[in-house]
Protein backbone atom coordinates (compact mmCIF):
# COMPACT_ATOMS: atom_id res chain seq x y z
CA UNK A 1 16.07 -3.57 18.54
CA UNK A 2 19.96 -2.95 17.47
CA UNK A 3 21.20 -4.04 13.98
CA UNK A 4 23.22 -7.18 15.75
CA UNK A 5 19.50 -8.33 17.06
CA UNK A 6 17.99 -8.18 13.58
CA UNK A 7 21.04 -10.04 12.46
CA UNK A 8 20.24 -12.70 15.07
CA UNK A 9 16.93 -12.41 13.73
CA UNK A 10 17.68 -13.28 9.96
CA UNK A 11 17.43 -9.71 8.78
CA UNK A 12 20.51 -8.84 6.46
CA UNK A 13 20.80 -5.31 7.19
CA UNK A 14 23.56 -4.54 4.71
CA UNK A 15 20.54 -5.26 2.16
CA UNK A 16 18.09 -2.56 1.46
CA UNK A 17 14.48 -3.89 1.50
CA UNK A 18 11.15 -1.98 0.30
CA UNK A 19 9.26 -1.15 3.23
CA UNK A 20 12.81 0.44 5.07
CA UNK A 21 13.60 2.33 2.27
CA UNK A 22 9.54 3.60 1.78
CA UNK A 23 10.15 4.21 5.44
CA UNK A 24 13.26 6.27 5.25
CA UNK A 25 11.74 8.12 2.03
CA UNK A 26 8.85 9.00 4.52
CA UNK A 27 11.43 10.22 6.67
CA UNK A 28 11.22 7.65 9.47
CA UNK A 29 13.77 5.67 11.77
CA UNK A 30 12.64 2.16 11.28
CA UNK A 31 15.74 1.38 8.39
CA UNK A 32 19.25 0.89 7.86
CA UNK A 33 22.42 2.55 6.09
CA UNK A 34 21.51 0.79 3.27
CA UNK A 35 17.91 1.53 3.49
CA UNK A 36 18.92 5.13 3.98
CA UNK A 37 21.50 4.97 0.81
CA UNK A 38 19.08 3.89 -1.73
CA UNK A 39 16.39 6.84 -0.65
CA UNK A 40 19.32 9.25 -1.02
CA UNK A 41 20.13 7.80 -4.49
CA UNK A 42 16.66 8.40 -5.60
CA UNK A 43 16.37 11.46 -4.34
CA UNK A 44 19.07 12.54 -6.16
CA UNK A 45 17.55 11.84 -9.24
CA UNK A 46 14.43 13.42 -8.45
CA UNK A 47 14.29 15.30 -5.53
CA UNK A 48 10.39 15.18 -5.14
CA UNK A 49 10.25 11.41 -4.33
CA UNK A 50 9.74 11.65 -0.52
CA UNK A 51 7.12 14.47 -1.10
CA UNK A 52 5.59 12.45 -3.22
CA UNK A 53 5.85 9.28 -0.64
CA UNK A 54 4.10 11.66 1.64
CA UNK A 55 1.36 12.41 -1.10
CA UNK A 56 0.97 8.67 -1.04
CA UNK A 57 0.36 8.21 2.45
CA UNK A 58 -2.07 11.19 2.79
CA UNK A 59 -3.89 9.57 0.07
CA UNK A 60 -4.08 6.51 2.00
CA UNK A 61 -5.66 8.65 4.69
CA UNK A 62 -8.30 10.24 2.95
CA UNK A 63 -9.41 6.87 1.39
CA UNK A 64 -9.81 5.04 4.53
CA UNK A 65 -11.60 7.86 5.82
CA UNK A 66 -14.03 8.17 2.99
CA UNK A 67 -14.39 4.00 2.55
CA UNK A 68 -15.67 4.22 6.42
CA UNK A 69 -17.04 7.66 7.31
CA UNK A 70 -19.08 7.50 3.63
CA UNK A 71 -19.32 4.04 2.23
CA UNK A 72 -19.55 2.58 6.05
CA UNK A 73 -17.04 -0.43 5.38
CA UNK A 74 -16.20 -1.74 8.72
CA UNK A 75 -13.65 -4.79 7.20
CA UNK A 76 -9.86 -3.76 5.95
CA UNK A 77 -7.37 -5.81 4.31
CA UNK A 78 -3.98 -3.73 3.67
CA UNK A 79 -1.60 -5.90 2.06
CA UNK A 80 1.80 -4.85 1.68
CA UNK A 81 1.01 -2.27 4.92
CA UNK A 82 4.86 -1.77 5.24
CA UNK A 83 6.77 -0.08 8.67
CA UNK A 84 4.17 1.36 10.92
CA UNK A 85 3.90 5.35 10.32
CA UNK A 86 1.47 7.80 11.74
CA UNK A 87 -1.68 7.61 10.46
CA UNK A 88 -2.31 3.59 10.49
CA UNK A 89 -5.30 1.92 9.17
CA UNK A 90 -6.57 1.08 12.09
CA UNK A 91 -5.93 4.52 13.86
CA UNK A 92 -7.85 6.29 11.19
CA UNK A 93 -10.40 3.91 10.59
CA UNK A 94 -11.33 3.15 14.43
CA UNK A 95 -11.29 7.24 15.03
CA UNK A 96 -14.35 7.34 12.45
CA UNK A 97 -15.94 3.59 13.68
CA UNK A 98 -14.32 1.95 16.35
CA UNK A 99 -15.95 -1.38 15.34
CA UNK A 100 -13.68 -0.66 12.62
CA UNK A 101 -11.15 -4.33 12.08
CA UNK A 102 -7.83 -4.60 10.19
CA UNK A 103 -5.89 -6.86 9.10
CA UNK A 104 -2.22 -6.25 8.01
CA UNK A 105 -0.08 -8.14 5.50
CA UNK A 106 3.69 -7.78 5.01
CA UNK A 107 6.89 -10.01 4.21
CA UNK A 108 9.43 -8.06 5.71
CA UNK A 109 9.91 -9.27 9.43
CA UNK A 110 11.13 -5.71 10.16
CA UNK A 111 7.93 -4.55 9.26
CA UNK A 112 5.99 -7.79 10.74
CA UNK A 113 7.87 -7.23 14.27
CA UNK A 114 7.15 -3.78 14.74
CA UNK A 115 3.73 -4.36 13.69
CA UNK A 116 3.03 -6.57 16.37
CA UNK A 117 4.39 -4.36 18.68
CA UNK A 118 2.05 -1.71 17.96
CA UNK A 119 -0.64 -3.81 17.73
CA UNK A 120 -0.27 -6.26 21.09
CA UNK A 121 -3.17 -6.64 23.12
CA UNK A 122 -5.32 -5.08 20.23
CA UNK A 123 -8.74 -7.10 19.44
CA UNK A 124 -9.44 -5.44 16.40
CA UNK A 125 -6.36 -5.51 14.13
CA UNK A 126 -3.57 -7.61 13.74
CA UNK A 127 -0.60 -8.86 11.41
CA UNK A 128 0.26 -11.89 9.08
CA UNK A 129 3.66 -12.57 7.92
CA UNK A 130 2.78 -13.52 3.89
CA UNK A 131 3.63 -12.55 0.77
CA UNK A 132 1.10 -11.08 -1.50
CA UNK A 133 2.29 -13.47 -4.41
CA UNK A 134 0.64 -16.14 -1.96
CA UNK A 135 -2.74 -15.10 -2.26
CA UNK A 136 -4.22 -18.07 -0.90
CA UNK A 137 -2.07 -18.16 1.84
CA UNK A 138 -3.31 -14.65 3.01
CA UNK A 139 -7.07 -15.78 2.23
CA UNK A 140 -6.89 -18.83 4.52
CA UNK A 141 -4.80 -17.63 6.99
CA UNK A 142 -6.62 -18.26 10.86
CA UNK A 143 -6.17 -14.95 11.90
CA UNK A 144 -7.51 -13.05 8.84
CA UNK A 145 -10.63 -15.61 9.10
CA UNK A 146 -10.94 -14.44 12.66
CA UNK A 147 -11.48 -10.73 12.24
CA UNK A 148 -12.97 -10.42 8.25
CA UNK A 149 -15.55 -12.12 6.72
CA UNK A 150 -15.58 -11.98 3.47
CA UNK A 151 -19.26 -12.75 2.85
CA UNK A 152 -19.85 -8.99 4.23
CA UNK A 153 -18.22 -5.49 2.42
CA UNK A 154 -14.21 -5.51 2.56
CA UNK A 155 -12.05 -3.15 1.29
CA UNK A 156 -8.46 -4.21 0.30
CA UNK A 157 -5.52 -1.97 -0.02
CA UNK A 158 -2.97 -2.45 -2.27
CA UNK A 159 -1.16 0.92 -1.79
CA UNK A 160 2.49 1.18 -3.22
CA UNK A 161 3.16 -2.53 -3.62
CA UNK A 162 1.76 -3.59 -6.80
CA UNK A 163 4.98 -1.86 -9.01
CA UNK A 164 7.10 -4.43 -6.96
CA UNK A 165 5.32 -7.34 -8.48
CA UNK A 166 7.21 -8.09 -12.00
CA UNK A 167 5.10 -9.14 -14.88
CA UNK A 168 6.03 -12.87 -14.19
CA UNK A 169 4.72 -12.59 -11.04
CA UNK A 170 1.42 -12.15 -12.54
CA UNK A 171 0.08 -8.75 -10.68
CA UNK A 172 -3.26 -8.82 -12.33
CA UNK A 173 -3.96 -12.66 -11.59
CA UNK A 174 -2.85 -11.92 -8.52
CA UNK A 175 -5.19 -9.26 -7.84
CA UNK A 176 -7.78 -11.05 -9.47
CA UNK A 177 -7.78 -13.47 -6.41
CA UNK A 178 -8.73 -11.16 -3.80
CA UNK A 179 -11.36 -9.41 -6.36
CA UNK A 180 -13.47 -12.67 -6.42
CA UNK A 181 -13.19 -13.28 -2.43
CA UNK A 182 -14.65 -9.80 -2.06
CA UNK A 183 -18.38 -9.63 -1.44
CA UNK A 184 -20.49 -7.39 -4.10
CA UNK A 185 -20.26 -3.98 -2.47
CA UNK A 186 -16.52 -4.54 -1.12
CA UNK A 187 -13.88 -1.73 -2.60
CA UNK A 188 -10.40 -1.94 -3.62
CA UNK A 189 -7.58 0.67 -3.09
CA UNK A 190 -4.66 0.80 -5.71
CA UNK A 191 -1.96 3.36 -5.47
CA UNK A 192 1.05 2.66 -7.73
CA UNK A 193 4.32 4.27 -9.53
CA UNK A 194 3.33 4.86 -13.23
CA UNK A 195 5.67 6.18 -16.04
CA UNK A 196 3.71 8.69 -17.55
CA UNK A 197 5.01 11.52 -16.52
CA UNK A 198 8.52 11.14 -17.51
CA UNK A 199 9.21 7.73 -18.93
CA UNK A 200 13.04 8.49 -19.39
CA UNK A 201 13.08 9.32 -15.46
CA UNK A 202 10.80 6.50 -14.69
CA UNK A 203 13.13 3.92 -16.19
CA UNK A 204 16.29 5.53 -14.36
CA UNK A 205 14.56 5.41 -10.92
CA UNK A 206 13.31 1.86 -11.36
CA UNK A 207 16.83 0.62 -13.27
CA UNK A 208 18.71 2.03 -9.69
CA UNK A 209 15.66 0.50 -7.52
CA UNK A 210 16.03 -2.86 -9.24
CA UNK A 211 19.78 -2.95 -8.59
CA UNK A 212 20.22 -1.59 -4.74
CA UNK A 213 16.43 -3.11 -3.80
CA UNK A 214 14.21 -5.28 -5.15
CA UNK A 215 12.62 -5.75 -8.74
CA UNK A 216 9.64 -3.74 -9.77
CA UNK A 217 7.78 -1.76 -12.23
CA UNK A 218 6.30 1.56 -12.97
CA UNK A 219 3.43 0.95 -15.33
CA UNK A 220 0.96 3.40 -17.60
CA UNK A 221 -2.37 4.44 -16.09
CA UNK A 222 -3.87 1.95 -18.56
CA UNK A 223 -2.14 -0.96 -16.87
CA UNK A 224 -2.89 0.39 -13.31
CA UNK A 225 -6.40 0.71 -14.40
CA UNK A 226 -6.37 -2.83 -15.34
CA UNK A 227 -6.11 -3.84 -11.84
CA UNK A 228 -9.93 -3.01 -10.79
CA UNK A 229 -10.90 -5.56 -13.19
CA UNK A 230 -14.03 -3.47 -13.89
CA UNK A 231 -15.42 -2.35 -10.69
CA UNK A 232 -16.66 1.07 -10.60
CA UNK A 233 -14.45 3.66 -9.81
CA UNK A 234 -15.39 6.43 -7.50
CA UNK A 235 -15.23 9.78 -8.22
CA UNK A 236 -12.73 11.14 -9.16
CA UNK A 237 -11.55 8.21 -10.87
CA UNK A 238 -7.51 7.16 -11.37
CA UNK A 239 -5.86 10.09 -10.88
CA UNK A 240 -2.33 11.61 -9.30
CA UNK A 241 -2.30 11.06 -5.55
CA UNK A 242 -2.84 14.85 -4.29
CA UNK A 243 -5.88 14.87 -7.00
CA UNK A 244 -8.20 12.18 -5.13
CA UNK A 245 -10.36 14.11 -2.61
CA UNK A 246 -7.98 16.12 -1.60
CA UNK A 247 -8.48 17.96 1.86
CA UNK A 248 -8.73 20.88 1.85
CA UNK A 249 -9.63 21.63 -1.48
CA UNK A 250 -6.80 23.73 -2.11
CA UNK A 251 -4.33 21.38 -1.21
CA UNK A 252 -3.52 19.90 -4.92
CA UNK A 253 -0.08 21.07 -5.88
CA UNK A 254 0.37 22.45 -9.20
CA UNK A 255 2.24 19.87 -11.12
CA UNK A 256 0.23 17.06 -9.61
CA UNK A 257 2.08 14.94 -12.08
CA UNK A 258 5.35 15.39 -10.74
CA UNK A 259 3.94 13.57 -7.67
CA UNK A 260 4.32 9.66 -9.55
CA UNK A 261 1.84 7.92 -7.78
CA UNK A 262 -2.09 7.53 -9.18
CA UNK A 263 -4.14 6.28 -6.95
CA UNK A 264 -7.97 5.53 -7.14
CA UNK A 265 -10.97 3.84 -5.28
CA UNK A 266 -13.29 0.70 -6.78
CA UNK A 267 -16.59 -0.94 -5.77
CA UNK A 268 -17.54 -4.36 -6.76
CA UNK A 269 -21.24 -3.91 -7.92
CA UNK A 270 -24.37 -4.97 -6.11
CA UNK A 271 -26.26 -7.39 -8.58
CA UNK A 272 -29.87 -6.53 -7.65
CA UNK A 273 -31.85 -9.57 -6.79
């Protein structure tokens, strides 16, 4: 769709958007000039940001392969899924187990439109246009209820999305709604920008992003760990994303703390009968 077409659809191409800025940082083509301008400005502050985004995307792939291949998960709820890119969750999961079911959630019309085009005719994957800050709307959505059975284990993915919730959005309470809905044996995947490695640089990037794209907040490792709500962390715990079960093993960079994102996977305990 041309820029004028998106304007007719109610999208303002002159305003940067989180999903499209991330797409630009990944080297994608589903973005506008405003999004690329923000991506370039971020890279000016730290040239490693695009590599960090690619590392975060790779973490998502490894986490999904672990969940399908080793943990036996067949249901995925990917919240804040963004613009489709190589290695989408349903593609990875269904390569390992064809019966895997995936529901994507995003509130950006561009991300939703491209996702619907990719998923047209697909009976085991769909996308919902909804806002993370409205968990009740997501959890009761008929398309989710058609594919996901919350009485059985499900993997809920919050990959590169929770840092776009400010403290005023009650991020821990929002995430808890999804944790509480998940059956014992379910998993949660989180990756999140952290401010720990270089607080001054993180503050500068946050100011730029808040001014030109959307509000957000980098958080400490302890703050990010709180999202898991006491669920059991899988090895190696909450680490910089290149360190999470790297494949191959020598793929860990010399300075993983320069890659902005920490990530982890946790399991809701199964209470013995």
